[in-house]
């Protein structure tokens, strides 16, 4: 019965433009709050993008050798190659990655994680595992699983709507 009440509330909101506008504001505010969380404080001064980038680089191989091309990294991260190059510059400055020109095609640059990069990634992954474990424990497994299902549906719909523009 409680589920039907929640569904009826949502249907009421969709019929009421004022309530719908309020829901839109709450959604934007929540997404903004989520994005503003400073996970770099627990990621050893890595941004979220750098953290995910190091994970992709570490687990990528090119012709059985470690590394990934900048263009492939950009596709996986869904950002432009110039944006990836800027982020790589920061990681390279801190000696977390190295770049090598591809000997078979000099237009390609291969990105490889360094031992220092692997060390900071391993520490960040352990810290992130501990953090997310505590969040899941606090919220409850069922709520987190439901949140993920709903959030993935939300992102799917967003992608469809963005393609229309």
N, C-alpha and C. Protein backbone atom coordinates (compact mmCIF):
# COMPACT_ATOMS: atom_id res chain seq x y z
N UNK A 1 0.82 -1.19 0.00
CA UNK A 1 0.00 0.00 0.00
C UNK A 1 0.86 1.25 0.00
N UNK A 2 1.97 1.23 0.74
CA UNK A 2 2.86 2.40 0.81
C UNK A 2 3.46 2.70 -0.56
N UNK A 3 3.79 1.65 -1.34
CA UNK A 3 4.35 1.87 -2.67
C UNK A 3 3.36 2.59 -3.57
N UNK A 4 2.07 2.21 -3.49
CA UNK A 4 1.06 2.87 -4.29
C UNK A 4 0.90 4.33 -3.90
N UNK A 5 1.02 4.61 -2.60
CA UNK A 5 0.93 6.00 -2.15
C UNK A 5 2.06 6.82 -2.76
N UNK A 6 3.28 6.28 -2.78
CA UNK A 6 4.43 6.97 -3.38
C UNK A 6 4.22 7.21 -4.86
N UNK A 7 3.68 6.20 -5.55
CA UNK A 7 3.40 6.33 -6.98
C UNK A 7 2.34 7.39 -7.21
N UNK A 8 1.31 7.40 -6.37
CA UNK A 8 0.26 8.42 -6.50
C UNK A 8 0.82 9.81 -6.27
N UNK A 9 1.76 9.95 -5.31
CA UNK A 9 2.40 11.25 -5.06
C UNK A 9 3.12 11.73 -6.31
N UNK A 10 3.83 10.82 -6.95
CA UNK A 10 4.58 11.19 -8.15
C UNK A 10 3.63 11.59 -9.27
N UNK A 11 2.53 10.83 -9.43
CA UNK A 11 1.55 11.18 -10.46
C UNK A 11 0.95 12.55 -10.19
N UNK A 12 0.71 12.87 -8.92
CA UNK A 12 0.17 14.17 -8.55
C UNK A 12 1.17 15.28 -8.91
N UNK A 13 2.44 15.02 -8.65
CA UNK A 13 3.48 16.00 -8.98
C UNK A 13 3.51 16.26 -10.48
N UNK A 14 3.40 15.19 -11.27
CA UNK A 14 3.47 15.34 -12.71
C UNK A 14 2.26 16.10 -13.27
N UNK A 15 1.15 16.12 -12.53
CA UNK A 15 -0.03 16.87 -12.96
C UNK A 15 0.03 18.32 -12.50
N UNK A 16 0.85 18.60 -11.50
CA UNK A 16 0.90 19.93 -10.92
C UNK A 16 2.20 20.62 -11.34
N UNK A 17 2.13 21.64 -12.20
CA UNK A 17 3.35 22.30 -12.69
C UNK A 17 4.20 22.91 -11.58
N UNK A 18 3.57 23.39 -10.51
CA UNK A 18 4.33 23.98 -9.41
C UNK A 18 5.14 22.90 -8.69
N UNK A 19 4.49 21.76 -8.42
CA UNK A 19 5.20 20.66 -7.77
C UNK A 19 6.27 20.07 -8.68
N UNK A 20 5.99 20.01 -9.98
CA UNK A 20 6.98 19.51 -10.93
C UNK A 20 8.21 20.41 -10.95
N UNK A 21 8.00 21.72 -10.93
CA UNK A 21 9.11 22.68 -10.91
C UNK A 21 9.94 22.51 -9.64
N UNK A 22 9.26 22.27 -8.51
CA UNK A 22 9.96 22.05 -7.25
C UNK A 22 10.80 20.77 -7.32
N UNK A 23 10.25 19.73 -7.94
CA UNK A 23 11.00 18.47 -8.10
C UNK A 23 12.23 18.69 -8.97
N UNK A 24 12.09 19.47 -10.03
CA UNK A 24 13.23 19.78 -10.90
C UNK A 24 14.32 20.50 -10.12
N UNK A 25 13.94 21.46 -9.28
CA UNK A 25 14.92 22.20 -8.48
C UNK A 25 15.63 21.26 -7.51
N UNK A 26 14.86 20.37 -6.87
CA UNK A 26 15.46 19.42 -5.92
C UNK A 26 16.43 18.49 -6.63
N UNK A 27 16.07 18.05 -7.84
CA UNK A 27 16.95 17.17 -8.61
C UNK A 27 18.25 17.87 -8.95
N UNK A 28 18.16 19.08 -9.45
CA UNK A 28 19.36 19.85 -9.81
C UNK A 28 20.23 20.09 -8.58
N UNK A 29 19.60 20.43 -7.47
CA UNK A 29 20.34 20.69 -6.22
C UNK A 29 21.05 19.42 -5.75
N UNK A 30 20.36 18.29 -5.80
CA UNK A 30 20.98 17.03 -5.35
C UNK A 30 22.16 16.64 -6.23
N UNK A 31 21.99 16.77 -7.54
CA UNK A 31 23.08 16.44 -8.47
C UNK A 31 24.26 17.37 -8.20
N UNK A 32 23.99 18.64 -7.99
CA UNK A 32 25.05 19.61 -7.70
C UNK A 32 25.77 19.24 -6.39
N UNK A 33 25.02 18.91 -5.35
CA UNK A 33 25.63 18.51 -4.07
C UNK A 33 26.53 17.30 -4.26
N UNK A 34 26.05 16.32 -5.03
CA UNK A 34 26.82 15.10 -5.27
C UNK A 34 28.13 15.42 -5.98
N UNK A 35 28.06 16.27 -7.00
CA UNK A 35 29.26 16.63 -7.77
C UNK A 35 30.26 17.43 -6.94
N UNK A 36 29.79 18.17 -5.96
CA UNK A 36 30.67 19.04 -5.17
C UNK A 36 31.39 18.30 -4.05
N UNK A 37 31.00 17.05 -3.79
CA UNK A 37 31.68 16.30 -2.74
C UNK A 37 33.16 16.19 -3.08
N UNK A 38 33.98 16.45 -2.13
CA UNK A 38 35.43 16.54 -2.35
C UNK A 38 36.11 15.19 -2.11
N UNK A 39 35.88 14.25 -3.03
CA UNK A 39 36.49 12.93 -2.86
C UNK A 39 38.00 12.99 -2.97
N UNK A 40 38.55 14.06 -3.58
CA UNK A 40 40.01 14.13 -3.67
C UNK A 40 40.65 14.21 -2.29
N UNK A 41 39.85 14.58 -1.29
CA UNK A 41 40.39 14.61 0.07
C UNK A 41 40.73 13.21 0.57
N UNK A 42 40.08 12.19 0.02
CA UNK A 42 40.39 10.81 0.41
C UNK A 42 41.15 10.08 -0.68
N UNK A 43 41.41 10.74 -1.80
CA UNK A 43 42.09 10.10 -2.93
C UNK A 43 43.52 10.58 -3.09
N UNK A 44 44.17 10.96 -2.01
CA UNK A 44 45.57 11.37 -2.05
C UNK A 44 45.81 12.46 -3.09
N UNK A 45 44.93 13.47 -3.05
CA UNK A 45 45.01 14.63 -3.95
C UNK A 45 44.87 14.29 -5.42
N UNK A 46 44.14 13.23 -5.72
CA UNK A 46 43.75 12.94 -7.09
C UNK A 46 42.32 13.42 -7.27
N UNK A 47 42.04 14.04 -8.40
CA UNK A 47 40.64 14.35 -8.70
C UNK A 47 39.95 13.03 -9.06
N UNK A 48 38.62 13.05 -9.08
CA UNK A 48 37.90 11.84 -9.48
C UNK A 48 38.30 11.43 -10.89
N UNK A 49 38.43 12.42 -11.78
CA UNK A 49 38.81 12.12 -13.17
C UNK A 49 40.19 11.48 -13.24
N UNK A 50 41.13 12.00 -12.46
CA UNK A 50 42.49 11.43 -12.45
C UNK A 50 42.47 10.01 -11.88
N UNK A 51 41.67 9.80 -10.84
CA UNK A 51 41.54 8.48 -10.24
C UNK A 51 41.04 7.47 -11.28
N UNK A 52 39.95 7.81 -11.97
CA UNK A 52 39.39 6.90 -12.97
C UNK A 52 40.36 6.74 -14.14
N UNK A 53 41.05 7.81 -14.50
CA UNK A 53 42.02 7.74 -15.59
C UNK A 53 43.16 6.76 -15.24
N UNK A 54 43.69 6.86 -14.03
CA UNK A 54 44.75 5.95 -13.62
C UNK A 54 44.26 4.50 -13.61
N UNK A 55 43.02 4.28 -13.19
CA UNK A 55 42.47 2.92 -13.20
C UNK A 55 42.42 2.38 -14.62
N UNK A 56 41.93 3.19 -15.55
CA UNK A 56 41.84 2.74 -16.94
C UNK A 56 43.23 2.46 -17.50
N UNK A 57 44.17 3.36 -17.25
CA UNK A 57 45.54 3.19 -17.77
C UNK A 57 46.16 1.91 -17.21
N UNK A 58 45.98 1.70 -15.91
CA UNK A 58 46.59 0.52 -15.27
C UNK A 58 46.06 -0.78 -15.87
N UNK A 59 44.79 -0.82 -16.18
CA UNK A 59 44.17 -2.08 -16.62
C UNK A 59 44.11 -2.21 -18.14
N UNK A 60 44.78 -1.31 -18.86
CA UNK A 60 44.78 -1.37 -20.32
C UNK A 60 46.07 -1.98 -20.84
N UNK A 61 45.92 -2.68 -21.95
CA UNK A 61 47.08 -3.27 -22.61
C UNK A 61 46.97 -2.99 -24.10
N UNK A 62 48.12 -2.77 -24.73
CA UNK A 62 48.20 -2.56 -26.17
C UNK A 62 49.19 -3.58 -26.70
N UNK A 63 48.72 -4.50 -27.51
CA UNK A 63 49.57 -5.56 -28.06
C UNK A 63 50.33 -6.29 -26.95
N UNK A 64 49.60 -6.68 -25.92
CA UNK A 64 50.15 -7.43 -24.79
C UNK A 64 51.12 -6.64 -23.93
N UNK A 65 51.27 -5.35 -24.21
CA UNK A 65 52.13 -4.48 -23.40
C UNK A 65 51.23 -3.51 -22.63
N UNK A 66 51.67 -3.09 -21.45
CA UNK A 66 50.84 -2.15 -20.69
C UNK A 66 50.72 -0.80 -21.40
N UNK A 67 49.55 -0.16 -21.22
CA UNK A 67 49.37 1.18 -21.76
C UNK A 67 48.13 1.32 -22.59
N UNK A 68 47.81 2.57 -22.94
CA UNK A 68 46.64 2.89 -23.74
C UNK A 68 46.94 4.15 -24.54
N UNK A 69 46.39 4.24 -25.74
CA UNK A 69 46.55 5.44 -26.55
C UNK A 69 45.67 6.56 -25.99
N UNK A 70 46.12 7.79 -26.15
CA UNK A 70 45.37 8.96 -25.67
C UNK A 70 43.97 8.96 -26.27
N UNK A 71 43.86 8.67 -27.55
CA UNK A 71 42.55 8.69 -28.22
C UNK A 71 41.59 7.66 -27.60
N UNK A 72 42.10 6.48 -27.27
CA UNK A 72 41.27 5.44 -26.64
C UNK A 72 40.86 5.86 -25.24
N UNK A 73 41.77 6.48 -24.52
CA UNK A 73 41.49 6.95 -23.17
C UNK A 73 40.38 8.01 -23.21
N UNK A 74 40.45 8.90 -24.19
CA UNK A 74 39.43 9.94 -24.35
C UNK A 74 38.06 9.30 -24.60
N UNK A 75 38.01 8.28 -25.44
CA UNK A 75 36.74 7.59 -25.71
C UNK A 75 36.19 6.94 -24.45
N UNK A 76 37.04 6.27 -23.71
CA UNK A 76 36.59 5.59 -22.49
C UNK A 76 36.09 6.57 -21.44
N UNK A 77 36.72 7.74 -21.37
CA UNK A 77 36.32 8.75 -20.38
C UNK A 77 35.21 9.66 -20.90
N UNK A 78 34.92 9.55 -22.20
CA UNK A 78 33.89 10.38 -22.84
C UNK A 78 34.22 11.87 -22.75
N UNK A 79 35.49 12.19 -23.01
CA UNK A 79 35.94 13.57 -23.08
C UNK A 79 36.83 13.73 -24.30
N UNK A 80 37.14 14.96 -24.64
CA UNK A 80 37.96 15.22 -25.83
C UNK A 80 39.42 14.84 -25.57
N UNK A 81 40.14 14.56 -26.64
CA UNK A 81 41.57 14.24 -26.53
C UNK A 81 42.36 15.40 -25.91
N UNK A 82 42.07 16.68 -26.28
CA UNK A 82 42.80 17.78 -25.62
C UNK A 82 42.55 17.82 -24.10
N UNK A 83 41.32 17.52 -23.67
CA UNK A 83 41.02 17.51 -22.22
C UNK A 83 41.81 16.40 -21.54
N UNK A 84 41.90 15.24 -22.19
CA UNK A 84 42.69 14.13 -21.64
C UNK A 84 44.16 14.53 -21.56
N UNK A 85 44.66 15.19 -22.59
CA UNK A 85 46.06 15.60 -22.60
C UNK A 85 46.37 16.55 -21.44
N UNK A 86 45.43 17.46 -21.14
CA UNK A 86 45.64 18.37 -20.00
C UNK A 86 45.72 17.59 -18.69
N UNK A 87 44.79 16.65 -18.51
CA UNK A 87 44.81 15.85 -17.28
C UNK A 87 46.08 15.00 -17.20
N UNK A 88 46.50 14.46 -18.33
CA UNK A 88 47.71 13.65 -18.36
C UNK A 88 48.92 14.49 -17.98
N UNK A 89 48.92 15.75 -18.39
CA UNK A 89 50.03 16.64 -18.04
C UNK A 89 50.20 16.74 -16.54
N UNK A 90 49.09 16.87 -15.84
CA UNK A 90 49.13 16.95 -14.38
C UNK A 90 49.65 15.64 -13.77
N UNK A 91 49.19 14.52 -14.30
CA UNK A 91 49.64 13.21 -13.79
C UNK A 91 51.12 12.97 -14.12
N UNK A 92 51.53 13.45 -15.28
CA UNK A 92 52.92 13.29 -15.69
C UNK A 92 53.85 14.15 -14.83
N UNK A 93 53.41 15.36 -14.51
CA UNK A 93 54.18 16.25 -13.63
C UNK A 93 54.47 15.58 -12.29
N UNK A 94 53.49 14.85 -11.80
CA UNK A 94 53.63 14.17 -10.51
C UNK A 94 54.24 12.78 -10.65
N UNK A 95 54.65 12.46 -11.87
CA UNK A 95 55.33 11.20 -12.20
C UNK A 95 54.46 9.97 -11.94
N UNK A 96 53.13 10.11 -12.17
CA UNK A 96 52.20 8.99 -12.02
C UNK A 96 52.02 8.23 -13.34
N UNK A 97 52.33 8.91 -14.45
CA UNK A 97 52.25 8.27 -15.78
C UNK A 97 53.45 8.72 -16.60
N UNK A 98 53.68 7.97 -17.68
CA UNK A 98 54.66 8.42 -18.68
C UNK A 98 54.00 8.27 -20.04
N UNK A 99 54.49 9.06 -20.99
CA UNK A 99 53.96 9.01 -22.36
C UNK A 99 55.08 8.61 -23.30
N UNK A 100 54.73 7.76 -24.26
CA UNK A 100 55.70 7.31 -25.25
C UNK A 100 55.06 7.41 -26.64
N UNK A 101 55.85 7.85 -27.59
CA UNK A 101 55.38 7.89 -28.98
C UNK A 101 55.33 6.44 -29.49
N UNK A 102 54.23 6.08 -30.15
CA UNK A 102 54.07 4.75 -30.71
C UNK A 102 55.05 4.58 -31.88
N UNK A 103 55.88 3.58 -31.82
CA UNK A 103 56.88 3.37 -32.86
C UNK A 103 56.27 2.95 -34.19
N UNK A 104 55.08 2.32 -34.15
CA UNK A 104 54.42 1.88 -35.38
C UNK A 104 53.67 3.03 -36.07
N UNK A 105 53.17 3.96 -35.28
CA UNK A 105 52.45 5.10 -35.83
C UNK A 105 52.75 6.30 -34.94
N UNK A 106 53.66 7.14 -35.39
CA UNK A 106 54.17 8.24 -34.56
C UNK A 106 53.10 9.28 -34.22
N UNK A 107 51.91 9.18 -34.85
CA UNK A 107 50.82 10.11 -34.50
C UNK A 107 50.17 9.72 -33.17
N UNK A 108 50.38 8.49 -32.74
CA UNK A 108 49.77 7.99 -31.50
C UNK A 108 50.73 8.10 -30.32
N UNK A 109 50.15 8.42 -29.17
CA UNK A 109 50.92 8.48 -27.94
C UNK A 109 50.39 7.42 -26.98
N UNK A 110 51.28 6.59 -26.49
CA UNK A 110 50.93 5.54 -25.55
C UNK A 110 51.15 6.06 -24.13
N UNK A 111 50.16 5.85 -23.28
CA UNK A 111 50.22 6.30 -21.89
C UNK A 111 50.38 5.08 -21.00
N UNK A 112 51.36 5.13 -20.10
CA UNK A 112 51.68 4.01 -19.22
C UNK A 112 51.73 4.51 -17.78
N UNK A 113 51.16 3.73 -16.87
CA UNK A 113 51.22 4.10 -15.46
C UNK A 113 52.61 3.75 -14.92
N UNK A 114 53.15 4.63 -14.08
CA UNK A 114 54.48 4.38 -13.48
C UNK A 114 54.30 3.64 -12.16
N UNK A 115 55.41 3.21 -11.58
CA UNK A 115 55.33 2.53 -10.28
C UNK A 115 54.80 3.49 -9.22
N UNK A 116 55.18 4.76 -9.31
CA UNK A 116 54.66 5.76 -8.38
C UNK A 116 53.15 5.94 -8.58
N UNK A 117 52.70 5.92 -9.82
CA UNK A 117 51.27 6.01 -10.13
C UNK A 117 50.51 4.80 -9.61
N UNK A 118 51.11 3.62 -9.77
CA UNK A 118 50.48 2.40 -9.24
C UNK A 118 50.35 2.46 -7.73
N UNK A 119 51.38 3.01 -7.07
CA UNK A 119 51.36 3.10 -5.61
C UNK A 119 50.24 4.03 -5.15
N UNK A 120 50.14 5.22 -5.74
CA UNK A 120 49.11 6.17 -5.32
C UNK A 120 47.72 5.64 -5.69
N UNK A 121 47.62 4.93 -6.80
CA UNK A 121 46.33 4.35 -7.19
C UNK A 121 45.92 3.27 -6.20
N UNK A 122 46.85 2.41 -5.83
CA UNK A 122 46.55 1.34 -4.87
C UNK A 122 46.09 1.91 -3.53
N UNK A 123 46.79 2.95 -3.06
CA UNK A 123 46.40 3.60 -1.80
C UNK A 123 45.03 4.25 -1.92
N UNK A 124 44.78 4.92 -3.06
CA UNK A 124 43.50 5.58 -3.28
C UNK A 124 42.36 4.57 -3.38
N UNK A 125 42.61 3.46 -4.08
CA UNK A 125 41.59 2.42 -4.20
C UNK A 125 41.24 1.83 -2.83
N UNK A 126 42.25 1.60 -2.00
CA UNK A 126 42.00 1.05 -0.67
C UNK A 126 41.18 2.03 0.17
N UNK A 127 41.54 3.30 0.09
CA UNK A 127 40.81 4.33 0.83
C UNK A 127 39.38 4.45 0.31
N UNK A 128 39.21 4.43 -1.02
CA UNK A 128 37.88 4.53 -1.62
C UNK A 128 37.03 3.31 -1.27
N UNK A 129 37.64 2.12 -1.27
CA UNK A 129 36.92 0.90 -0.87
C UNK A 129 36.42 1.02 0.56
N UNK A 130 37.28 1.50 1.45
CA UNK A 130 36.90 1.68 2.85
C UNK A 130 35.77 2.71 2.96
N UNK A 131 35.91 3.83 2.27
CA UNK A 131 34.90 4.90 2.32
C UNK A 131 33.55 4.40 1.80
N UNK A 132 33.55 3.80 0.61
CA UNK A 132 32.27 3.34 0.04
C UNK A 132 31.68 2.22 0.88
N UNK A 133 32.52 1.40 1.47
CA UNK A 133 32.02 0.36 2.38
C UNK A 133 31.28 0.95 3.57
N UNK A 134 31.84 2.03 4.13
CA UNK A 134 31.19 2.70 5.26
C UNK A 134 29.88 3.35 4.84
N UNK A 135 29.86 3.96 3.64
CA UNK A 135 28.63 4.59 3.14
C UNK A 135 27.55 3.53 2.94
N UNK A 136 27.91 2.41 2.32
CA UNK A 136 26.95 1.33 2.09
C UNK A 136 26.45 0.77 3.42
N UNK A 137 27.36 0.58 4.35
CA UNK A 137 26.98 0.08 5.67
C UNK A 137 26.01 1.03 6.36
N UNK A 138 26.28 2.31 6.26
CA UNK A 138 25.43 3.33 6.90
C UNK A 138 24.04 3.40 6.24
N UNK A 139 24.01 3.37 4.92
CA UNK A 139 22.73 3.48 4.19
C UNK A 139 21.97 2.17 4.14
N UNK A 140 22.71 1.08 4.08
CA UNK A 140 22.08 -0.24 3.91
C UNK A 140 22.22 -0.71 2.47
N UNK A 141 22.53 -1.98 2.33
CA UNK A 141 22.78 -2.57 1.01
C UNK A 141 21.59 -2.40 0.08
N UNK A 142 20.38 -2.67 0.59
CA UNK A 142 19.19 -2.62 -0.24
C UNK A 142 18.94 -1.22 -0.79
N UNK A 143 19.11 -0.20 0.07
CA UNK A 143 18.90 1.18 -0.38
C UNK A 143 19.93 1.58 -1.43
N UNK A 144 21.17 1.17 -1.23
CA UNK A 144 22.22 1.51 -2.20
C UNK A 144 21.96 0.81 -3.53
N UNK A 145 21.54 -0.47 -3.47
CA UNK A 145 21.24 -1.21 -4.70
C UNK A 145 20.08 -0.53 -5.45
N UNK A 146 19.06 -0.11 -4.71
CA UNK A 146 17.92 0.58 -5.32
C UNK A 146 18.37 1.92 -5.91
N UNK A 147 19.18 2.65 -5.16
CA UNK A 147 19.70 3.93 -5.64
C UNK A 147 20.47 3.76 -6.95
N UNK A 148 21.32 2.75 -7.01
CA UNK A 148 22.11 2.51 -8.22
C UNK A 148 21.21 2.18 -9.40
N UNK A 149 20.20 1.35 -9.16
CA UNK A 149 19.28 0.99 -10.24
C UNK A 149 18.55 2.24 -10.75
N UNK A 150 18.05 3.05 -9.83
CA UNK A 150 17.35 4.27 -10.21
C UNK A 150 18.29 5.28 -10.87
N UNK A 151 19.49 5.42 -10.32
CA UNK A 151 20.44 6.38 -10.88
C UNK A 151 20.86 5.98 -12.29
N UNK A 152 21.10 4.68 -12.51
CA UNK A 152 21.46 4.23 -13.85
C UNK A 152 20.31 4.46 -14.84
N UNK A 153 19.08 4.25 -14.41
CA UNK A 153 17.92 4.55 -15.26
C UNK A 153 17.87 6.04 -15.56
N UNK A 154 18.13 6.85 -14.55
CA UNK A 154 18.15 8.30 -14.70
C UNK A 154 19.19 8.72 -15.74
N UNK A 155 20.38 8.18 -15.65
CA UNK A 155 21.45 8.53 -16.60
C UNK A 155 21.10 8.05 -18.00
N UNK A 156 20.50 6.86 -18.11
CA UNK A 156 20.07 6.36 -19.42
C UNK A 156 19.09 7.33 -20.08
N UNK A 157 18.11 7.80 -19.30
CA UNK A 157 17.12 8.74 -19.83
C UNK A 157 17.79 10.06 -20.20
N UNK A 158 18.72 10.53 -19.37
CA UNK A 158 19.44 11.77 -19.67
C UNK A 158 20.18 11.64 -21.00
N UNK A 159 20.85 10.50 -21.21
CA UNK A 159 21.60 10.30 -22.46
C UNK A 159 20.66 10.35 -23.66
N UNK A 160 19.50 9.73 -23.53
CA UNK A 160 18.52 9.74 -24.63
C UNK A 160 18.06 11.17 -24.91
N UNK A 161 17.74 11.90 -23.86
CA UNK A 161 17.26 13.28 -24.03
C UNK A 161 18.35 14.20 -24.58
N UNK A 162 19.59 14.00 -24.15
CA UNK A 162 20.68 14.84 -24.65
C UNK A 162 20.93 14.59 -26.13
N UNK A 163 20.72 13.36 -26.59
CA UNK A 163 20.92 13.06 -28.01
C UNK A 163 19.90 13.76 -28.88
N UNK A 164 18.75 14.10 -28.28
CA UNK A 164 17.71 14.80 -29.04
C UNK A 164 18.09 16.25 -29.32
N UNK A 165 18.98 16.80 -28.51
CA UNK A 165 19.36 18.22 -28.68
C UNK A 165 20.38 18.40 -29.74
